[in-house]
Amino acid sequence: MEKKTLFQLQLYPNYYDVILEPIDLKMIAKKVLDNEYRTPDDMDRDVTLLVNNAKTFNEPKSPIYKVRIVNDILAKVCQLLN
């Protein structure tokens, strides 16, 4: 994947220096639609990566950092699907 597809590098020029394994919701959605996830745990790993990337790149007080709440909800959904 081309790095420019995730972020406007002009706004975040150091993103790919900080985040070594980028992922976004579009990539996760595509994997869902293409049936690439074999188990809920596979999807949970990507969602966790997404959240961890957001927490790594953003400041703790930012709304994006606080997205961990969404991750907790998705983790519970994945547990129910197991």
N, C-alpha and C. Protein backbone atom coordinates (compact mmCIF):
# COMPACT_ATOMS: atom_id res chain seq x y z
N MET A 1 0.84 -1.17 0.00
CA MET A 1 0.00 0.00 0.00
C MET A 1 0.89 1.24 0.00
N GLU A 2 0.43 2.21 -0.71
CA GLU A 2 1.17 3.47 -0.77
C GLU A 2 0.88 4.28 0.49
N LYS A 3 1.91 4.80 1.10
CA LYS A 3 1.74 5.52 2.35
C LYS A 3 0.79 6.70 2.23
N LYS A 4 0.76 7.34 1.10
CA LYS A 4 -0.07 8.52 0.93
C LYS A 4 -1.56 8.21 1.04
N THR A 5 -1.95 6.96 0.96
CA THR A 5 -3.36 6.63 1.03
C THR A 5 -3.93 6.78 2.43
N LEU A 6 -3.09 6.75 3.46
CA LEU A 6 -3.61 6.85 4.81
C LEU A 6 -3.73 8.28 5.31
N PHE A 7 -2.73 9.09 5.05
CA PHE A 7 -2.71 10.44 5.60
C PHE A 7 -2.12 11.41 4.60
N GLN A 8 -2.48 12.65 4.77
CA GLN A 8 -1.84 13.69 3.99
C GLN A 8 -0.49 13.95 4.63
N LEU A 9 0.55 13.55 3.96
CA LEU A 9 1.88 13.66 4.55
C LEU A 9 2.29 15.10 4.82
N GLN A 10 1.67 16.06 4.14
CA GLN A 10 1.98 17.47 4.41
C GLN A 10 1.57 17.85 5.83
N LEU A 11 0.48 17.27 6.30
CA LEU A 11 -0.02 17.60 7.64
C LEU A 11 0.73 16.84 8.73
N TYR A 12 1.18 15.65 8.42
CA TYR A 12 1.84 14.79 9.41
C TYR A 12 3.11 14.20 8.81
N PRO A 13 4.11 15.02 8.55
CA PRO A 13 5.29 14.54 7.83
C PRO A 13 6.09 13.46 8.55
N ASN A 14 5.97 13.37 9.86
CA ASN A 14 6.74 12.36 10.60
C ASN A 14 5.94 11.11 10.94
N TYR A 15 4.71 11.02 10.43
CA TYR A 15 3.84 9.89 10.81
C TYR A 15 4.51 8.55 10.56
N TYR A 16 5.09 8.39 9.40
CA TYR A 16 5.66 7.09 9.05
C TYR A 16 7.03 6.85 9.68
N ASP A 17 7.58 7.86 10.32
CA ASP A 17 8.78 7.66 11.13
C ASP A 17 8.39 7.10 12.50
N VAL A 18 7.20 7.45 12.95
CA VAL A 18 6.72 7.05 14.27
C VAL A 18 5.94 5.74 14.20
N ILE A 19 5.08 5.62 13.20
CA ILE A 19 4.19 4.46 13.06
C ILE A 19 4.77 3.52 12.00
N LEU A 20 5.21 2.37 12.44
CA LEU A 20 5.88 1.44 11.54
C LEU A 20 4.93 0.49 10.83
N GLU A 21 3.74 0.29 11.40
CA GLU A 21 2.75 -0.60 10.79
C GLU A 21 1.41 0.14 10.70
N PRO A 22 1.26 1.02 9.71
CA PRO A 22 0.04 1.81 9.60
C PRO A 22 -1.17 0.97 9.18
N ILE A 23 -2.32 1.39 9.68
CA ILE A 23 -3.59 0.77 9.30
C ILE A 23 -4.68 1.81 9.51
N ASP A 24 -5.75 1.73 8.75
CA ASP A 24 -6.87 2.65 8.95
C ASP A 24 -8.18 1.88 8.84
N LEU A 25 -9.27 2.56 9.12
CA LEU A 25 -10.58 1.90 9.11
C LEU A 25 -10.96 1.40 7.72
N LYS A 26 -10.53 2.09 6.69
CA LYS A 26 -10.83 1.62 5.33
C LYS A 26 -10.17 0.27 5.06
N MET A 27 -8.95 0.10 5.55
CA MET A 27 -8.26 -1.17 5.36
C MET A 27 -8.98 -2.29 6.12
N ILE A 28 -9.43 -1.98 7.33
CA ILE A 28 -10.16 -2.98 8.11
C ILE A 28 -11.48 -3.32 7.44
N ALA A 29 -12.20 -2.31 6.97
CA ALA A 29 -13.48 -2.54 6.29
C ALA A 29 -13.28 -3.39 5.03
N LYS A 30 -12.23 -3.11 4.29
CA LYS A 30 -11.95 -3.89 3.07
C LYS A 30 -11.69 -5.35 3.43
N LYS A 31 -10.95 -5.58 4.50
CA LYS A 31 -10.69 -6.95 4.93
C LYS A 31 -12.00 -7.66 5.33
N VAL A 32 -12.90 -6.91 5.98
CA VAL A 32 -14.19 -7.50 6.34
C VAL A 32 -14.97 -7.87 5.09
N LEU A 33 -15.06 -6.93 4.16
CA LEU A 33 -15.81 -7.17 2.92
C LEU A 33 -15.21 -8.28 2.07
N ASP A 34 -13.90 -8.42 2.12
CA ASP A 34 -13.21 -9.46 1.35
C ASP A 34 -13.06 -10.77 2.12
N ASN A 35 -13.70 -10.85 3.27
CA ASN A 35 -13.65 -12.05 4.13
C ASN A 35 -12.22 -12.49 4.43
N GLU A 36 -11.36 -11.53 4.71
CA GLU A 36 -9.96 -11.84 5.01
C GLU A 36 -9.74 -12.22 6.47
N TYR A 37 -10.69 -11.90 7.33
CA TYR A 37 -10.55 -12.26 8.73
C TYR A 37 -11.10 -13.67 8.94
N ARG A 38 -10.25 -14.55 9.43
CA ARG A 38 -10.68 -15.93 9.66
C ARG A 38 -11.40 -16.07 10.99
N THR A 39 -11.01 -15.23 11.95
CA THR A 39 -11.63 -15.28 13.28
C THR A 39 -11.84 -13.86 13.79
N PRO A 40 -12.71 -13.67 14.77
CA PRO A 40 -12.86 -12.35 15.38
C PRO A 40 -11.55 -11.84 15.97
N ASP A 41 -10.72 -12.74 16.45
CA ASP A 41 -9.42 -12.33 17.01
C ASP A 41 -8.54 -11.68 15.95
N ASP A 42 -8.64 -12.15 14.70
CA ASP A 42 -7.86 -11.53 13.62
C ASP A 42 -8.26 -10.07 13.43
N MET A 43 -9.56 -9.83 13.45
CA MET A 43 -10.04 -8.46 13.31
C MET A 43 -9.66 -7.64 14.54
N ASP A 44 -9.77 -8.26 15.70
CA ASP A 44 -9.41 -7.56 16.94
C ASP A 44 -7.96 -7.11 16.92
N ARG A 45 -7.07 -7.91 16.35
CA ARG A 45 -5.66 -7.52 16.26
C ARG A 45 -5.50 -6.26 15.44
N ASP A 46 -6.22 -6.16 14.31
CA ASP A 46 -6.11 -4.96 13.47
C ASP A 46 -6.71 -3.74 14.17
N VAL A 47 -7.85 -3.92 14.84
CA VAL A 47 -8.47 -2.81 15.56
C VAL A 47 -7.56 -2.35 16.70
N THR A 48 -6.95 -3.29 17.38
CA THR A 48 -6.01 -2.94 18.45
C THR A 48 -4.81 -2.19 17.88
N LEU A 49 -4.31 -2.62 16.75
CA LEU A 49 -3.21 -1.92 16.08
C LEU A 49 -3.61 -0.49 15.74
N LEU A 50 -4.81 -0.32 15.21
CA LEU A 50 -5.33 1.01 14.87
C LEU A 50 -5.34 1.91 16.11
N VAL A 51 -5.87 1.39 17.20
CA VAL A 51 -5.96 2.16 18.44
C VAL A 51 -4.57 2.46 19.00
N ASN A 52 -3.70 1.48 18.99
CA ASN A 52 -2.35 1.70 19.50
C ASN A 52 -1.59 2.71 18.65
N ASN A 53 -1.77 2.67 17.34
CA ASN A 53 -1.14 3.67 16.48
C ASN A 53 -1.65 5.07 16.83
N ALA A 54 -2.95 5.19 17.04
CA ALA A 54 -3.52 6.49 17.38
C ALA A 54 -2.97 6.99 18.71
N LYS A 55 -2.85 6.09 19.68
CA LYS A 55 -2.33 6.47 20.98
C LYS A 55 -0.84 6.81 20.92
N THR A 56 -0.11 6.12 20.06
CA THR A 56 1.32 6.38 19.93
C THR A 56 1.58 7.73 19.28
N PHE A 57 0.79 8.06 18.27
CA PHE A 57 1.06 9.27 17.49
C PHE A 57 0.47 10.53 18.11
N ASN A 58 -0.62 10.39 18.84
CA ASN A 58 -1.33 11.56 19.36
C ASN A 58 -1.05 11.77 20.85
N GLU A 59 -1.26 13.00 21.29
CA GLU A 59 -1.06 13.35 22.69
C GLU A 59 -2.16 12.75 23.56
N PRO A 60 -1.82 12.38 24.80
CA PRO A 60 -2.80 11.73 25.68
C PRO A 60 -4.11 12.49 25.88
N LYS A 61 -4.11 13.79 25.82
CA LYS A 61 -5.35 14.55 26.04
C LYS A 61 -6.18 14.74 24.78
N SER A 62 -5.70 14.29 23.64
CA SER A 62 -6.42 14.49 22.40
C SER A 62 -7.60 13.51 22.29
N PRO A 63 -8.66 13.90 21.58
CA PRO A 63 -9.81 13.00 21.39
C PRO A 63 -9.44 11.70 20.70
N ILE A 64 -8.49 11.76 19.81
CA ILE A 64 -8.08 10.56 19.08
C ILE A 64 -7.44 9.56 20.04
N TYR A 65 -6.65 10.03 20.96
CA TYR A 65 -6.01 9.16 21.95
C TYR A 65 -7.07 8.44 22.78
N LYS A 66 -8.13 9.12 23.06
CA LYS A 66 -9.19 8.57 23.92
C LYS A 66 -10.06 7.55 23.19
N VAL A 67 -9.75 7.24 21.95
CA VAL A 67 -10.51 6.27 21.17
C VAL A 67 -10.42 4.87 21.78
N ARG A 68 -9.61 4.70 22.80
CA ARG A 68 -9.48 3.39 23.45
C ARG A 68 -10.83 2.88 23.93
N ILE A 69 -11.75 3.78 24.22
CA ILE A 69 -13.10 3.37 24.63
C ILE A 69 -13.76 2.57 23.52
N VAL A 70 -13.60 3.03 22.29
CA VAL A 70 -14.14 2.32 21.13
C VAL A 70 -13.49 0.94 21.04
N ASN A 71 -12.20 0.87 21.28
CA ASN A 71 -11.50 -0.41 21.23
C ASN A 71 -12.07 -1.38 22.27
N ASP A 72 -12.36 -0.87 23.45
CA ASP A 72 -12.94 -1.72 24.49
C ASP A 72 -14.29 -2.28 24.06
N ILE A 73 -15.09 -1.46 23.43
CA ILE A 73 -16.41 -1.90 22.94
C ILE A 73 -16.24 -2.95 21.86
N LEU A 74 -15.35 -2.70 20.91
CA LEU A 74 -15.13 -3.67 19.83
C LEU A 74 -14.58 -4.98 20.36
N ALA A 75 -13.76 -4.92 21.37
CA ALA A 75 -13.21 -6.14 21.97
C ALA A 75 -14.34 -6.97 22.57
N LYS A 76 -15.30 -6.30 23.20
CA LYS A 76 -16.43 -7.02 23.78
C LYS A 76 -17.29 -7.66 22.69
N VAL A 77 -17.47 -6.94 21.57
CA VAL A 77 -18.23 -7.50 20.45
C VAL A 77 -17.53 -8.74 19.92
N CYS A 78 -16.20 -8.66 19.77
CA CYS A 78 -15.44 -9.82 19.28
C CYS A 78 -15.57 -11.00 20.24
N GLN A 79 -15.56 -10.73 21.53
CA GLN A 79 -15.73 -11.81 22.50
C GLN A 79 -17.09 -12.48 22.34
N LEU A 80 -18.11 -11.69 22.11
CA LEU A 80 -19.45 -12.25 21.93
C LEU A 80 -19.54 -13.10 20.67
N LEU A 81 -18.78 -12.73 19.64
CA LEU A 81 -18.80 -13.48 18.39
C LEU A 81 -18.06 -14.80 18.49
N ASN A 82 -17.19 -14.92 19.46
CA ASN A 82 -16.42 -16.18 19.61
C ASN A 82 -17.30 -17.30 20.06
